[in-house]
């Protein structure tokens, strides 16, 4: 089962128009790994969570600057 933080990440991605592929690239991971993390199947550690949140914030800033 996905954790609350993954639900927040997915909601923010949708709100900002950021695709999974874009976020995966920003994180330096594959799209399939990102999908597994967001579905609660892999990488639920604090470091993975922070890496994804940081990349999402970067993507959101880039989108708002355009």
N, C-alpha and C. Protein backbone atom coordinates (compact mmCIF):
# COMPACT_ATOMS: atom_id res chain seq x y z
N UNK A 1 0.84 -1.19 0.00
CA UNK A 1 0.00 0.00 0.00
C UNK A 1 0.88 1.25 0.00
N UNK A 2 0.52 2.20 -0.82
CA UNK A 2 1.29 3.44 -0.91
C UNK A 2 1.19 4.24 0.39
N UNK A 3 2.26 4.89 0.73
CA UNK A 3 2.26 5.72 1.92
C UNK A 3 1.74 7.11 1.59
N UNK A 4 1.43 7.88 2.62
CA UNK A 4 0.88 9.22 2.43
C UNK A 4 1.78 10.11 1.60
N UNK A 5 3.09 9.99 1.78
CA UNK A 5 4.00 10.87 1.04
C UNK A 5 3.92 10.59 -0.45
N UNK A 6 3.70 9.34 -0.85
CA UNK A 6 3.62 9.05 -2.28
C UNK A 6 2.34 9.62 -2.88
N UNK A 7 1.27 9.61 -2.10
CA UNK A 7 0.01 10.20 -2.56
C UNK A 7 0.19 11.70 -2.78
N UNK A 8 0.92 12.35 -1.87
CA UNK A 8 1.20 13.78 -2.01
C UNK A 8 2.04 14.06 -3.25
N UNK A 9 3.06 13.24 -3.48
CA UNK A 9 3.93 13.42 -4.64
C UNK A 9 3.13 13.30 -5.93
N UNK A 10 2.30 12.27 -6.04
CA UNK A 10 1.50 12.07 -7.25
C UNK A 10 0.54 13.23 -7.46
N UNK A 11 -0.09 13.71 -6.40
CA UNK A 11 -1.01 14.84 -6.52
C UNK A 11 -0.28 16.10 -6.99
N UNK A 12 0.90 16.34 -6.45
CA UNK A 12 1.69 17.50 -6.88
C UNK A 12 2.15 17.37 -8.32
N UNK A 13 2.50 16.15 -8.73
CA UNK A 13 2.89 15.92 -10.12
C UNK A 13 1.74 16.29 -11.05
N UNK A 14 0.56 15.80 -10.73
CA UNK A 14 -0.61 16.09 -11.56
C UNK A 14 -0.91 17.59 -11.59
N UNK A 15 -0.85 18.23 -10.44
CA UNK A 15 -1.16 19.66 -10.36
C UNK A 15 -0.19 20.50 -11.18
N UNK A 16 1.08 20.07 -11.21
CA UNK A 16 2.10 20.84 -11.92
C UNK A 16 2.28 20.37 -13.37
N UNK A 17 1.62 19.29 -13.74
CA UNK A 17 1.77 18.78 -15.10
C UNK A 17 3.11 18.10 -15.33
N UNK A 18 3.64 17.47 -14.31
CA UNK A 18 4.92 16.79 -14.39
C UNK A 18 4.67 15.30 -14.60
N UNK A 19 5.29 14.73 -15.61
CA UNK A 19 5.11 13.31 -15.89
C UNK A 19 6.04 12.47 -15.02
N UNK A 20 5.72 11.20 -14.93
CA UNK A 20 6.59 10.28 -14.21
C UNK A 20 7.96 10.21 -14.84
N UNK A 21 7.99 10.23 -16.16
CA UNK A 21 9.27 10.18 -16.87
C UNK A 21 10.12 11.40 -16.54
N UNK A 22 9.51 12.58 -16.51
CA UNK A 22 10.24 13.81 -16.17
C UNK A 22 10.79 13.75 -14.75
N UNK A 23 9.96 13.28 -13.83
CA UNK A 23 10.41 13.21 -12.44
C UNK A 23 11.50 12.16 -12.27
N UNK A 24 11.35 11.04 -12.94
CA UNK A 24 12.38 10.00 -12.87
C UNK A 24 13.72 10.51 -13.36
N UNK A 25 13.71 11.24 -14.47
CA UNK A 25 14.95 11.81 -15.01
C UNK A 25 15.56 12.78 -13.99
N UNK A 26 14.73 13.61 -13.39
CA UNK A 26 15.22 14.57 -12.40
C UNK A 26 15.80 13.87 -11.17
N UNK A 27 15.27 12.69 -10.86
CA UNK A 27 15.77 11.91 -9.71
C UNK A 27 17.00 11.10 -10.04
N UNK A 28 17.22 10.87 -11.34
CA UNK A 28 18.32 10.02 -11.74
C UNK A 28 18.01 8.54 -11.60
N UNK A 29 16.72 8.19 -11.72
CA UNK A 29 16.29 6.80 -11.62
C UNK A 29 15.43 6.48 -12.84
N UNK A 30 15.12 5.22 -13.02
CA UNK A 30 14.28 4.85 -14.15
C UNK A 30 12.82 5.12 -13.84
N UNK A 31 12.04 5.28 -14.90
CA UNK A 31 10.61 5.50 -14.74
C UNK A 31 9.95 4.30 -14.06
N UNK A 32 10.39 3.10 -14.40
CA UNK A 32 9.79 1.90 -13.79
C UNK A 32 10.10 1.82 -12.30
N UNK A 33 11.30 2.24 -11.89
CA UNK A 33 11.63 2.25 -10.46
C UNK A 33 10.80 3.31 -9.73
N UNK A 34 10.67 4.48 -10.33
CA UNK A 34 9.85 5.53 -9.72
C UNK A 34 8.42 5.03 -9.54
N UNK A 35 7.89 4.38 -10.55
CA UNK A 35 6.54 3.84 -10.46
C UNK A 35 6.42 2.83 -9.32
N UNK A 36 7.40 1.95 -9.18
CA UNK A 36 7.38 0.97 -8.10
C UNK A 36 7.42 1.65 -6.73
N UNK A 37 8.22 2.71 -6.62
CA UNK A 37 8.29 3.46 -5.36
C UNK A 37 6.95 4.12 -5.06
N UNK A 38 6.37 4.78 -6.05
CA UNK A 38 5.11 5.49 -5.84
C UNK A 38 3.94 4.55 -5.57
N UNK A 39 4.09 3.28 -5.97
CA UNK A 39 3.06 2.28 -5.68
C UNK A 39 3.38 1.48 -4.42
N UNK A 40 4.42 1.90 -3.69
CA UNK A 40 4.74 1.30 -2.40
C UNK A 40 5.42 -0.06 -2.49
N UNK A 41 5.99 -0.40 -3.64
CA UNK A 41 6.60 -1.72 -3.81
C UNK A 41 8.10 -1.73 -3.58
N UNK A 42 8.76 -0.58 -3.70
CA UNK A 42 10.21 -0.49 -3.52
C UNK A 42 10.57 0.86 -2.92
N UNK A 43 11.79 0.93 -2.41
CA UNK A 43 12.40 2.19 -2.03
C UNK A 43 11.61 3.10 -1.12
N UNK A 44 11.09 2.57 -0.04
CA UNK A 44 10.29 3.40 0.87
C UNK A 44 11.12 4.07 1.97
N UNK A 45 12.43 4.03 1.83
CA UNK A 45 13.30 4.63 2.83
C UNK A 45 13.31 6.15 2.77
N UNK A 46 13.83 6.74 3.81
CA UNK A 46 13.89 8.19 3.94
C UNK A 46 14.73 8.84 2.84
N UNK A 47 15.84 8.21 2.47
CA UNK A 47 16.70 8.79 1.44
C UNK A 47 16.00 8.84 0.09
N UNK A 48 15.31 7.77 -0.26
CA UNK A 48 14.57 7.74 -1.52
C UNK A 48 13.46 8.78 -1.51
N UNK A 49 12.75 8.86 -0.41
CA UNK A 49 11.67 9.84 -0.27
C UNK A 49 12.22 11.25 -0.44
N UNK A 50 13.31 11.57 0.20
CA UNK A 50 13.87 12.92 0.11
C UNK A 50 14.37 13.22 -1.29
N UNK A 51 14.99 12.24 -1.93
CA UNK A 51 15.48 12.41 -3.29
C UNK A 51 14.33 12.75 -4.24
N UNK A 52 13.22 12.05 -4.10
CA UNK A 52 12.06 12.29 -4.96
C UNK A 52 11.43 13.64 -4.65
N UNK A 53 11.29 13.96 -3.39
CA UNK A 53 10.71 15.27 -3.01
C UNK A 53 11.56 16.43 -3.53
N UNK A 54 12.89 16.30 -3.39
CA UNK A 54 13.78 17.36 -3.87
C UNK A 54 13.68 17.53 -5.38
N UNK A 55 13.65 16.41 -6.10
CA UNK A 55 13.53 16.47 -7.56
C UNK A 55 12.19 17.06 -7.96
N UNK A 56 11.13 16.71 -7.24
CA UNK A 56 9.80 17.26 -7.54
C UNK A 56 9.78 18.77 -7.34
N UNK A 57 10.37 19.24 -6.25
CA UNK A 57 10.43 20.68 -6.01
C UNK A 57 11.19 21.39 -7.13
N UNK A 58 12.29 20.78 -7.57
CA UNK A 58 13.06 21.35 -8.68
C UNK A 58 12.21 21.42 -9.94
N UNK A 59 11.51 20.35 -10.26
CA UNK A 59 10.65 20.33 -11.45
C UNK A 59 9.54 21.37 -11.35
N UNK A 60 8.95 21.49 -10.16
CA UNK A 60 7.89 22.49 -9.96
C UNK A 60 8.42 23.90 -10.17
N UNK A 61 9.61 24.19 -9.64
CA UNK A 61 10.21 25.51 -9.84
C UNK A 61 10.47 25.79 -11.32
N UNK A 62 11.00 24.79 -12.02
CA UNK A 62 11.28 24.95 -13.44
C UNK A 62 9.99 25.21 -14.23
N UNK A 63 8.92 24.52 -13.87
CA UNK A 63 7.64 24.70 -14.56
C UNK A 63 7.06 26.09 -14.30
N UNK A 64 7.22 26.57 -13.06
CA UNK A 64 6.65 27.88 -12.74
C UNK A 64 7.47 29.03 -13.33
N UNK A 65 8.76 28.77 -13.61
CA UNK A 65 9.62 29.78 -14.22
C UNK A 65 9.33 29.98 -15.71
N UNK A 66 8.67 29.01 -16.32
CA UNK A 66 8.39 29.09 -17.76
C UNK A 66 7.19 29.93 -18.05
